[in-house]
Amino acid sequence: MANKTYTLMHEHLLETASALFASMPFSKITVKHICEKAEVNRNTFYRHFDDKFDLLEYIIKEALTMMMEQIDIKDFQRAPFTTINEFTFKDALSVLNFQLQDKVFEEEFYNAVFREMANMSNKDILWLLGDMQVIRIWNSTLQKPYSFQQDYKLFDEIIQAHSFPNMT
């Protein structure tokens, strides 16, 4: 029974943290926030995760595993932004866009993604992720950045052409 209880509590902590991620920047969230919202003590949290960064890495790893099991890798390589946008976690994309405005989250997120992808046998995916990161950085420098949820086809065109659109 202890194993079932542990699993249920683990899921409860993950769900609670995910709910907080939707409304509060990661850098502002503390273990205390998570514990209060989950109505558990800190010791319970620490039985499951080392800290909030460990929890975030767990969430990212699980999401990537689920995504990689469900997407066609050839489609992802051909049109990564479209593939991600058509994936079934639309609500998660809006949370991700919200959290990516937080520099602490952004760094942790990309580091965790690259760590996970580095373990994949298909190293071409790493190059593709690098291209996606370059597009993300380029987009963030624009006076009026494009939306990753609306302009994903443009981003795929940039990937395929290896060229940014003229901004004149």
N, C-alpha and C. Protein backbone atom coordinates (compact mmCIF):
# COMPACT_ATOMS: atom_id res chain seq x y z
N MET A 1 0.82 -1.21 0.00
CA MET A 1 0.00 0.00 0.00
C MET A 1 0.86 1.27 0.00
N ALA A 2 2.02 1.21 0.64
CA ALA A 2 2.89 2.39 0.70
C ALA A 2 3.30 2.82 -0.70
N ASN A 3 3.53 1.89 -1.61
CA ASN A 3 3.92 2.21 -2.97
C ASN A 3 2.81 2.98 -3.69
N LYS A 4 1.57 2.55 -3.50
CA LYS A 4 0.43 3.24 -4.11
C LYS A 4 0.29 4.64 -3.52
N THR A 5 0.46 4.76 -2.23
CA THR A 5 0.38 6.05 -1.57
C THR A 5 1.48 6.98 -2.08
N TYR A 6 2.68 6.45 -2.21
CA TYR A 6 3.80 7.23 -2.72
C TYR A 6 3.49 7.73 -4.13
N THR A 7 2.98 6.86 -4.98
CA THR A 7 2.66 7.21 -6.36
C THR A 7 1.56 8.27 -6.42
N LEU A 8 0.54 8.12 -5.61
CA LEU A 8 -0.54 9.11 -5.57
C LEU A 8 -0.03 10.48 -5.10
N MET A 9 0.82 10.49 -4.10
CA MET A 9 1.38 11.76 -3.60
C MET A 9 2.29 12.39 -4.65
N HIS A 10 3.06 11.56 -5.33
CA HIS A 10 3.95 12.04 -6.39
C HIS A 10 3.13 12.75 -7.47
N GLU A 11 2.05 12.10 -7.89
CA GLU A 11 1.16 12.69 -8.90
C GLU A 11 0.51 13.97 -8.38
N HIS A 12 0.13 13.97 -7.13
CA HIS A 12 -0.50 15.15 -6.52
C HIS A 12 0.48 16.34 -6.54
N LEU A 13 1.72 16.10 -6.20
CA LEU A 13 2.72 17.17 -6.21
C LEU A 13 2.96 17.69 -7.63
N LEU A 14 3.01 16.78 -8.59
CA LEU A 14 3.20 17.18 -9.98
C LEU A 14 2.03 18.02 -10.49
N GLU A 15 0.81 17.60 -10.18
CA GLU A 15 -0.39 18.34 -10.59
C GLU A 15 -0.43 19.71 -9.93
N THR A 16 -0.07 19.76 -8.66
CA THR A 16 -0.08 21.03 -7.94
C THR A 16 0.95 21.99 -8.53
N ALA A 17 2.14 21.50 -8.78
CA ALA A 17 3.18 22.35 -9.36
C ALA A 17 2.76 22.82 -10.75
N SER A 18 2.19 21.93 -11.53
CA SER A 18 1.74 22.30 -12.88
C SER A 18 0.70 23.40 -12.83
N ALA A 19 -0.20 23.33 -11.87
CA ALA A 19 -1.21 24.38 -11.71
C ALA A 19 -0.56 25.72 -11.35
N LEU A 20 0.45 25.67 -10.51
CA LEU A 20 1.17 26.90 -10.16
C LEU A 20 1.91 27.47 -11.37
N PHE A 21 2.47 26.59 -12.19
CA PHE A 21 3.21 27.04 -13.38
C PHE A 21 2.31 27.83 -14.32
N ALA A 22 1.03 27.57 -14.30
CA ALA A 22 0.10 28.26 -15.20
C ALA A 22 -0.16 29.70 -14.76
N SER A 23 0.12 30.00 -13.49
CA SER A 23 -0.25 31.32 -12.99
C SER A 23 0.88 32.12 -12.36
N MET A 24 2.03 31.50 -12.14
CA MET A 24 3.11 32.17 -11.44
C MET A 24 4.45 31.86 -12.11
N PRO A 25 5.29 32.86 -12.33
CA PRO A 25 6.60 32.57 -12.94
C PRO A 25 7.41 31.60 -12.08
N PHE A 26 8.11 30.70 -12.74
CA PHE A 26 8.89 29.67 -12.06
C PHE A 26 9.84 30.26 -11.03
N SER A 27 10.49 31.37 -11.37
CA SER A 27 11.46 31.97 -10.45
C SER A 27 10.82 32.44 -9.15
N LYS A 28 9.52 32.68 -9.16
CA LYS A 28 8.80 33.14 -7.96
C LYS A 28 8.22 31.98 -7.15
N ILE A 29 8.12 30.82 -7.77
CA ILE A 29 7.55 29.65 -7.07
C ILE A 29 8.61 29.07 -6.13
N THR A 30 8.18 28.76 -4.93
CA THR A 30 9.08 28.13 -3.95
C THR A 30 8.51 26.77 -3.57
N VAL A 31 9.34 25.98 -2.93
CA VAL A 31 8.87 24.70 -2.41
C VAL A 31 7.74 24.96 -1.41
N LYS A 32 7.86 26.04 -0.66
CA LYS A 32 6.81 26.39 0.30
C LYS A 32 5.47 26.63 -0.42
N HIS A 33 5.50 27.34 -1.56
CA HIS A 33 4.27 27.55 -2.34
C HIS A 33 3.64 26.22 -2.75
N ILE A 34 4.48 25.34 -3.26
CA ILE A 34 3.99 24.03 -3.73
C ILE A 34 3.38 23.26 -2.57
N CYS A 35 4.08 23.24 -1.44
CA CYS A 35 3.60 22.50 -0.27
C CYS A 35 2.28 23.07 0.26
N GLU A 36 2.20 24.40 0.32
CA GLU A 36 0.96 25.02 0.80
C GLU A 36 -0.21 24.70 -0.13
N LYS A 37 0.03 24.83 -1.42
CA LYS A 37 -1.04 24.56 -2.39
C LYS A 37 -1.44 23.08 -2.37
N ALA A 38 -0.44 22.19 -2.19
CA ALA A 38 -0.72 20.75 -2.16
C ALA A 38 -1.22 20.28 -0.79
N GLU A 39 -1.12 21.16 0.20
CA GLU A 39 -1.51 20.85 1.58
C GLU A 39 -0.72 19.67 2.12
N VAL A 40 0.61 19.76 1.93
CA VAL A 40 1.54 18.75 2.47
C VAL A 40 2.69 19.48 3.17
N ASN A 41 3.43 18.75 4.00
CA ASN A 41 4.58 19.39 4.63
C ASN A 41 5.82 19.25 3.73
N ARG A 42 6.83 20.02 4.05
CA ARG A 42 8.04 20.06 3.22
C ARG A 42 8.73 18.70 3.15
N ASN A 43 8.71 17.97 4.24
CA ASN A 43 9.34 16.63 4.23
C ASN A 43 8.71 15.72 3.18
N THR A 44 7.41 15.84 3.03
CA THR A 44 6.73 15.04 2.00
C THR A 44 7.25 15.43 0.63
N PHE A 45 7.35 16.72 0.36
CA PHE A 45 7.88 17.17 -0.92
C PHE A 45 9.28 16.59 -1.14
N TYR A 46 10.14 16.70 -0.14
CA TYR A 46 11.54 16.28 -0.29
C TYR A 46 11.71 14.76 -0.38
N ARG A 47 10.69 14.00 -0.03
CA ARG A 47 10.74 12.55 -0.27
C ARG A 47 10.60 12.24 -1.77
N HIS A 48 10.06 13.19 -2.51
CA HIS A 48 9.80 12.99 -3.93
C HIS A 48 10.76 13.74 -4.85
N PHE A 49 11.18 14.92 -4.43
CA PHE A 49 12.04 15.76 -5.26
C PHE A 49 13.11 16.44 -4.41
N ASP A 50 14.27 16.68 -5.02
CA ASP A 50 15.35 17.36 -4.30
C ASP A 50 15.04 18.83 -4.08
N ASP A 51 14.41 19.44 -5.07
CA ASP A 51 14.05 20.85 -5.03
C ASP A 51 13.11 21.15 -6.20
N LYS A 52 12.76 22.40 -6.40
CA LYS A 52 11.83 22.74 -7.47
C LYS A 52 12.46 22.50 -8.85
N PHE A 53 13.77 22.58 -8.95
CA PHE A 53 14.45 22.33 -10.22
C PHE A 53 14.38 20.85 -10.59
N ASP A 54 14.51 20.00 -9.60
CA ASP A 54 14.38 18.56 -9.82
C ASP A 54 12.96 18.23 -10.27
N LEU A 55 11.98 18.86 -9.66
CA LEU A 55 10.59 18.66 -10.05
C LEU A 55 10.36 19.11 -11.49
N LEU A 56 10.89 20.28 -11.85
CA LEU A 56 10.74 20.77 -13.21
C LEU A 56 11.39 19.83 -14.21
N GLU A 57 12.57 19.35 -13.90
CA GLU A 57 13.25 18.42 -14.81
C GLU A 57 12.43 17.14 -14.99
N TYR A 58 11.83 16.66 -13.92
CA TYR A 58 10.99 15.47 -14.00
C TYR A 58 9.81 15.72 -14.94
N ILE A 59 9.15 16.87 -14.79
CA ILE A 59 8.00 17.21 -15.64
C ILE A 59 8.42 17.28 -17.11
N ILE A 60 9.53 17.92 -17.36
CA ILE A 60 10.01 18.07 -18.74
C ILE A 60 10.37 16.72 -19.33
N LYS A 61 11.04 15.89 -18.56
CA LYS A 61 11.43 14.55 -19.04
C LYS A 61 10.19 13.72 -19.38
N GLU A 62 9.20 13.75 -18.50
CA GLU A 62 7.96 13.00 -18.76
C GLU A 62 7.23 13.53 -20.00
N ALA A 63 7.17 14.84 -20.14
CA ALA A 63 6.49 15.43 -21.30
C ALA A 63 7.22 15.07 -22.60
N LEU A 64 8.53 15.13 -22.58
CA LEU A 64 9.30 14.76 -23.78
C LEU A 64 9.14 13.29 -24.12
N THR A 65 9.15 12.45 -23.12
CA THR A 65 8.97 11.01 -23.34
C THR A 65 7.61 10.76 -23.98
N MET A 66 6.57 11.37 -23.43
CA MET A 66 5.22 11.21 -23.97
C MET A 66 5.15 11.74 -25.40
N MET A 67 5.75 12.90 -25.62
CA MET A 67 5.72 13.49 -26.95
C MET A 67 6.45 12.61 -27.96
N MET A 68 7.61 12.12 -27.61
CA MET A 68 8.40 11.33 -28.55
C MET A 68 7.74 9.99 -28.86
N GLU A 69 6.93 9.49 -27.94
CA GLU A 69 6.20 8.25 -28.19
C GLU A 69 5.03 8.47 -29.15
N GLN A 70 4.54 9.70 -29.22
CA GLN A 70 3.32 9.97 -29.99
C GLN A 70 3.55 10.66 -31.33
N ILE A 71 4.72 11.26 -31.53
CA ILE A 71 4.92 11.98 -32.80
C ILE A 71 5.70 11.12 -33.79
N ASP A 72 5.54 11.44 -35.04
CA ASP A 72 6.32 10.81 -36.10
C ASP A 72 7.61 11.61 -36.22
N ILE A 73 8.74 10.97 -35.98
CA ILE A 73 10.02 11.66 -35.95
C ILE A 73 10.36 12.29 -37.30
N LYS A 74 9.93 11.67 -38.39
CA LYS A 74 10.18 12.24 -39.73
C LYS A 74 9.40 13.55 -39.89
N ASP A 75 8.14 13.57 -39.43
CA ASP A 75 7.36 14.81 -39.47
C ASP A 75 8.02 15.89 -38.63
N PHE A 76 8.50 15.49 -37.46
CA PHE A 76 9.17 16.45 -36.57
C PHE A 76 10.41 17.03 -37.24
N GLN A 77 11.19 16.19 -37.91
CA GLN A 77 12.40 16.68 -38.56
C GLN A 77 12.06 17.60 -39.74
N ARG A 78 10.99 17.32 -40.44
CA ARG A 78 10.59 18.12 -41.59
C ARG A 78 9.96 19.44 -41.16
N ALA A 79 9.10 19.40 -40.14
CA ALA A 79 8.35 20.59 -39.71
C ALA A 79 8.18 20.56 -38.19
N PRO A 80 9.24 20.87 -37.46
CA PRO A 80 9.17 20.72 -35.99
C PRO A 80 8.15 21.63 -35.31
N PHE A 81 8.04 22.87 -35.77
CA PHE A 81 7.10 23.78 -35.11
C PHE A 81 5.65 23.37 -35.36
N THR A 82 5.37 22.92 -36.57
CA THR A 82 4.01 22.43 -36.88
C THR A 82 3.71 21.19 -36.06
N THR A 83 4.67 20.26 -36.00
CA THR A 83 4.47 19.03 -35.25
C THR A 83 4.17 19.32 -33.79
N ILE A 84 4.94 20.22 -33.19
CA ILE A 84 4.72 20.57 -31.79
C ILE A 84 3.37 21.26 -31.63
N ASN A 85 3.04 22.15 -32.55
CA ASN A 85 1.79 22.89 -32.44
C ASN A 85 0.58 22.00 -32.61
N GLU A 86 0.71 20.95 -33.41
CA GLU A 86 -0.41 20.03 -33.62
C GLU A 86 -0.49 18.95 -32.55
N PHE A 87 0.52 18.90 -31.69
CA PHE A 87 0.52 17.91 -30.63
C PHE A 87 -0.62 18.21 -29.67
N THR A 88 -1.00 17.22 -28.89
CA THR A 88 -2.24 17.29 -28.10
C THR A 88 -2.17 18.09 -26.82
N PHE A 89 -1.08 18.78 -26.53
CA PHE A 89 -1.06 19.52 -25.26
C PHE A 89 -1.12 21.02 -25.47
N LYS A 90 -2.18 21.48 -26.09
CA LYS A 90 -2.36 22.91 -26.37
C LYS A 90 -2.28 23.76 -25.09
N ASP A 91 -2.93 23.32 -24.01
CA ASP A 91 -2.89 24.08 -22.76
C ASP A 91 -1.46 24.20 -22.25
N ALA A 92 -0.69 23.14 -22.41
CA ALA A 92 0.70 23.16 -21.96
C ALA A 92 1.52 24.16 -22.76
N LEU A 93 1.20 24.34 -24.04
CA LEU A 93 1.94 25.31 -24.85
C LEU A 93 1.73 26.74 -24.35
N SER A 94 0.52 27.07 -23.92
CA SER A 94 0.30 28.42 -23.40
C SER A 94 1.04 28.60 -22.07
N VAL A 95 1.08 27.57 -21.24
CA VAL A 95 1.85 27.64 -19.99
C VAL A 95 3.33 27.77 -20.31
N LEU A 96 3.79 27.00 -21.29
CA LEU A 96 5.19 27.07 -21.69
C LEU A 96 5.54 28.47 -22.19
N ASN A 97 4.70 29.05 -23.04
CA ASN A 97 4.94 30.42 -23.52
C ASN A 97 4.99 31.41 -22.37
N PHE A 98 4.09 31.24 -21.41
CA PHE A 98 4.08 32.11 -20.22
C PHE A 98 5.39 31.94 -19.44
N GLN A 99 5.78 30.70 -19.18
CA GLN A 99 6.98 30.45 -18.38
C GLN A 99 8.27 30.84 -19.09
N LEU A 100 8.30 30.74 -20.41
CA LEU A 100 9.52 31.09 -21.14
C LEU A 100 9.85 32.58 -21.05
N GLN A 101 8.94 33.38 -20.53
CA GLN A 101 9.22 34.79 -20.27
C GLN A 101 10.07 34.94 -19.00
N ASP A 102 10.12 33.89 -18.20
CA ASP A 102 10.90 33.87 -16.96
C ASP A 102 12.29 33.32 -17.28
N LYS A 103 13.32 34.11 -17.07
CA LYS A 103 14.69 33.72 -17.46
C LYS A 103 15.18 32.48 -16.72
N VAL A 104 14.81 32.31 -15.46
CA VAL A 104 15.22 31.12 -14.70
C VAL A 104 14.59 29.87 -15.32
N PHE A 105 13.30 29.95 -15.59
CA PHE A 105 12.62 28.82 -16.23
C PHE A 105 13.21 28.54 -17.60
N GLU A 106 13.40 29.58 -18.38
CA GLU A 106 13.90 29.42 -19.75
C GLU A 106 15.22 28.64 -19.76
N GLU A 107 16.13 29.04 -18.92
CA GLU A 107 17.43 28.34 -18.87
C GLU A 107 17.28 26.89 -18.43
N GLU A 108 16.49 26.66 -17.39
CA GLU A 108 16.28 25.30 -16.90
C GLU A 108 15.57 24.45 -17.94
N PHE A 109 14.59 25.02 -18.61
CA PHE A 109 13.83 24.29 -19.62
C PHE A 109 14.73 23.84 -20.76
N TYR A 110 15.45 24.77 -21.34
CA TYR A 110 16.29 24.40 -22.49
C TYR A 110 17.42 23.45 -22.09
N ASN A 111 17.99 23.64 -20.92
CA ASN A 111 19.02 22.71 -20.46
C ASN A 111 18.46 21.30 -20.31
N ALA A 112 17.27 21.19 -19.73
CA ALA A 112 16.66 19.87 -19.54
C ALA A 112 16.30 19.24 -20.88
N VAL A 113 15.77 20.02 -21.80
CA VAL A 113 15.41 19.49 -23.12
C VAL A 113 16.67 18.98 -23.82
N PHE A 114 17.72 19.77 -23.81
CA PHE A 114 18.94 19.35 -24.50
C PHE A 114 19.59 18.13 -23.82
N ARG A 115 19.52 18.05 -22.50
CA ARG A 115 20.04 16.85 -21.81
C ARG A 115 19.28 15.61 -22.25
N GLU A 116 17.95 15.72 -22.31
CA GLU A 116 17.14 14.57 -22.71
C GLU A 116 17.38 14.20 -24.17
N MET A 117 17.42 15.19 -25.03
CA MET A 117 17.60 14.92 -26.46
C MET A 117 19.00 14.39 -26.76
N ALA A 118 19.98 14.76 -25.97
CA ALA A 118 21.34 14.26 -26.17
C ALA A 118 21.41 12.76 -25.96
N ASN A 119 20.48 12.21 -25.18
CA ASN A 119 20.45 10.77 -24.93
C ASN A 119 19.79 9.99 -26.05
N MET A 120 19.18 10.68 -27.00
CA MET A 120 18.51 10.00 -28.10
C MET A 120 19.55 9.47 -29.09
N SER A 121 19.18 8.42 -29.78
CA SER A 121 20.11 7.83 -30.74
C SER A 121 20.20 8.68 -32.01
N ASN A 122 19.18 9.46 -32.32
CA ASN A 122 19.16 10.28 -33.53
C ASN A 122 19.76 11.65 -33.22
N LYS A 123 21.05 11.80 -33.52
CA LYS A 123 21.74 13.06 -33.21
C LYS A 123 21.31 14.21 -34.11
N ASP A 124 20.65 13.91 -35.25
CA ASP A 124 20.14 14.98 -36.11
C ASP A 124 19.12 15.83 -35.36
N ILE A 125 18.45 15.22 -34.40
CA ILE A 125 17.47 15.96 -33.60
C ILE A 125 18.17 17.09 -32.83
N LEU A 126 19.39 16.84 -32.35
CA LEU A 126 20.11 17.89 -31.63
C LEU A 126 20.37 19.10 -32.52
N TRP A 127 20.77 18.85 -33.77
CA TRP A 127 21.00 19.95 -34.70
C TRP A 127 19.69 20.70 -34.95
N LEU A 128 18.62 19.97 -35.08
CA LEU A 128 17.32 20.58 -35.31
C LEU A 128 16.92 21.44 -34.10
N LEU A 129 17.16 20.93 -32.90
CA LEU A 129 16.86 21.72 -31.70
C LEU A 129 17.69 22.99 -31.65
N GLY A 130 18.94 22.88 -32.10
CA GLY A 130 19.79 24.07 -32.18
C GLY A 130 19.21 25.09 -33.14
N ASP A 131 18.75 24.62 -34.31
CA ASP A 131 18.11 25.52 -35.28
C ASP A 131 16.86 26.16 -34.67
N MET A 132 16.09 25.37 -33.95
CA MET A 132 14.88 25.90 -33.33
C MET A 132 15.23 26.96 -32.29
N GLN A 133 16.29 26.73 -31.56
CA GLN A 133 16.73 27.70 -30.54
C GLN A 133 17.19 29.01 -31.22
N VAL A 134 17.91 28.89 -32.32
CA VAL A 134 18.36 30.08 -33.05
C VAL A 134 17.14 30.88 -33.52
N ILE A 135 16.13 30.20 -34.02
CA ILE A 135 14.90 30.88 -34.47
C ILE A 135 14.22 31.56 -33.29
N ARG A 136 14.20 30.89 -32.15
CA ARG A 136 13.58 31.48 -30.96
C ARG A 136 14.33 32.74 -30.54
N ILE A 137 15.67 32.69 -30.57
CA ILE A 137 16.47 33.86 -30.20
C ILE A 137 16.25 34.98 -31.21
N TRP A 138 16.30 34.65 -32.50
CA TRP A 138 16.06 35.65 -33.54
C TRP A 138 14.70 36.30 -33.33
N ASN A 139 13.68 35.51 -33.10
CA ASN A 139 12.32 36.02 -32.91
C ASN A 139 12.25 36.96 -31.72
N SER A 140 12.98 36.65 -30.66
CA SER A 140 12.93 37.49 -29.45
C SER A 140 13.59 38.85 -29.67
N THR A 141 14.40 38.98 -30.72
CA THR A 141 15.05 40.27 -30.99
C THR A 141 14.20 41.19 -31.85
N LEU A 142 13.11 40.66 -32.42
CA LEU A 142 12.26 41.46 -33.29
C LEU A 142 11.44 42.46 -32.49
N GLN A 143 11.20 43.61 -33.10
CA GLN A 143 10.37 44.62 -32.44
C GLN A 143 8.97 44.07 -32.16
N LYS A 144 8.45 43.33 -33.13
CA LYS A 144 7.14 42.68 -32.96
C LYS A 144 7.34 41.19 -33.23
N PRO A 145 7.66 40.42 -32.18
CA PRO A 145 7.94 38.99 -32.38
C PRO A 145 6.72 38.23 -32.90
N TYR A 146 7.02 37.19 -33.66
CA TYR A 146 5.97 36.30 -34.15
C TYR A 146 5.50 35.41 -33.01
N SER A 147 4.30 34.86 -33.16
CA SER A 147 3.73 33.95 -32.17
C SER A 147 4.06 32.50 -32.54
N PHE A 148 4.61 31.76 -31.59
CA PHE A 148 4.93 30.36 -31.85
C PHE A 148 3.66 29.52 -32.04
N GLN A 149 2.55 29.98 -31.49
CA GLN A 149 1.31 29.24 -31.64
C GLN A 149 0.55 29.59 -32.91
N GLN A 150 0.83 30.75 -33.50
CA GLN A 150 0.11 31.15 -34.71
C GLN A 150 0.99 31.14 -35.96
N ASP A 151 2.27 31.43 -35.80
CA ASP A 151 3.17 31.58 -36.95
C ASP A 151 4.12 30.41 -37.10
N TYR A 152 3.71 29.24 -36.62
CA TYR A 152 4.59 28.07 -36.64
C TYR A 152 5.01 27.65 -38.05
N LYS A 153 4.14 27.89 -39.04
CA LYS A 153 4.50 27.51 -40.41
C LYS A 153 5.64 28.39 -40.93
N LEU A 154 5.65 29.66 -40.55
CA LEU A 154 6.77 30.54 -40.91
C LEU A 154 8.07 30.00 -40.31
N PHE A 155 8.01 29.58 -39.06
CA PHE A 155 9.23 29.05 -38.41
C PHE A 155 9.72 27.79 -39.11
N ASP A 156 8.79 26.95 -39.55
CA ASP A 156 9.20 25.76 -40.30
C ASP A 156 9.82 26.13 -41.64
N GLU A 157 9.29 27.18 -42.29
CA GLU A 157 9.89 27.65 -43.55
C GLU A 157 11.32 28.13 -43.31
N ILE A 158 11.56 28.80 -42.19
CA ILE A 158 12.90 29.25 -41.85
C ILE A 158 13.82 28.05 -41.65
N ILE A 159 13.33 27.02 -40.96
CA ILE A 159 14.11 25.79 -40.75
C ILE A 159 14.48 25.18 -42.10
N GLN A 160 13.51 25.06 -42.99
CA GLN A 160 13.74 24.40 -44.28
C GLN A 160 14.66 25.23 -45.18
N ALA A 161 14.52 26.54 -45.16
CA ALA A 161 15.31 27.40 -46.03
C ALA A 161 16.67 27.78 -45.41
N HIS A 162 16.79 27.56 -44.10
CA HIS A 162 17.99 28.01 -43.37
C HIS A 162 18.25 29.49 -43.63
N SER A 163 17.17 30.26 -43.65
CA SER A 163 17.25 31.68 -43.95
C SER A 163 16.10 32.40 -43.28
N PHE A 164 16.39 33.57 -42.74
CA PHE A 164 15.36 34.38 -42.11
C PHE A 164 14.67 35.24 -43.17
N PRO A 165 13.40 35.58 -42.97
CA PRO A 165 12.71 36.44 -43.94
C PRO A 165 13.31 37.85 -43.93
N ASN A 166 13.19 38.52 -45.06
CA ASN A 166 13.64 39.92 -45.14
C ASN A 166 12.74 40.76 -44.26
N MET A 167 13.30 41.58 -43.47
CA MET A 167 12.52 42.38 -42.52
C MET A 167 12.46 43.83 -42.94
N THR A 168 12.45 44.12 -44.22
CA THR A 168 12.44 45.51 -44.70
C THR A 168 11.06 46.09 -44.75
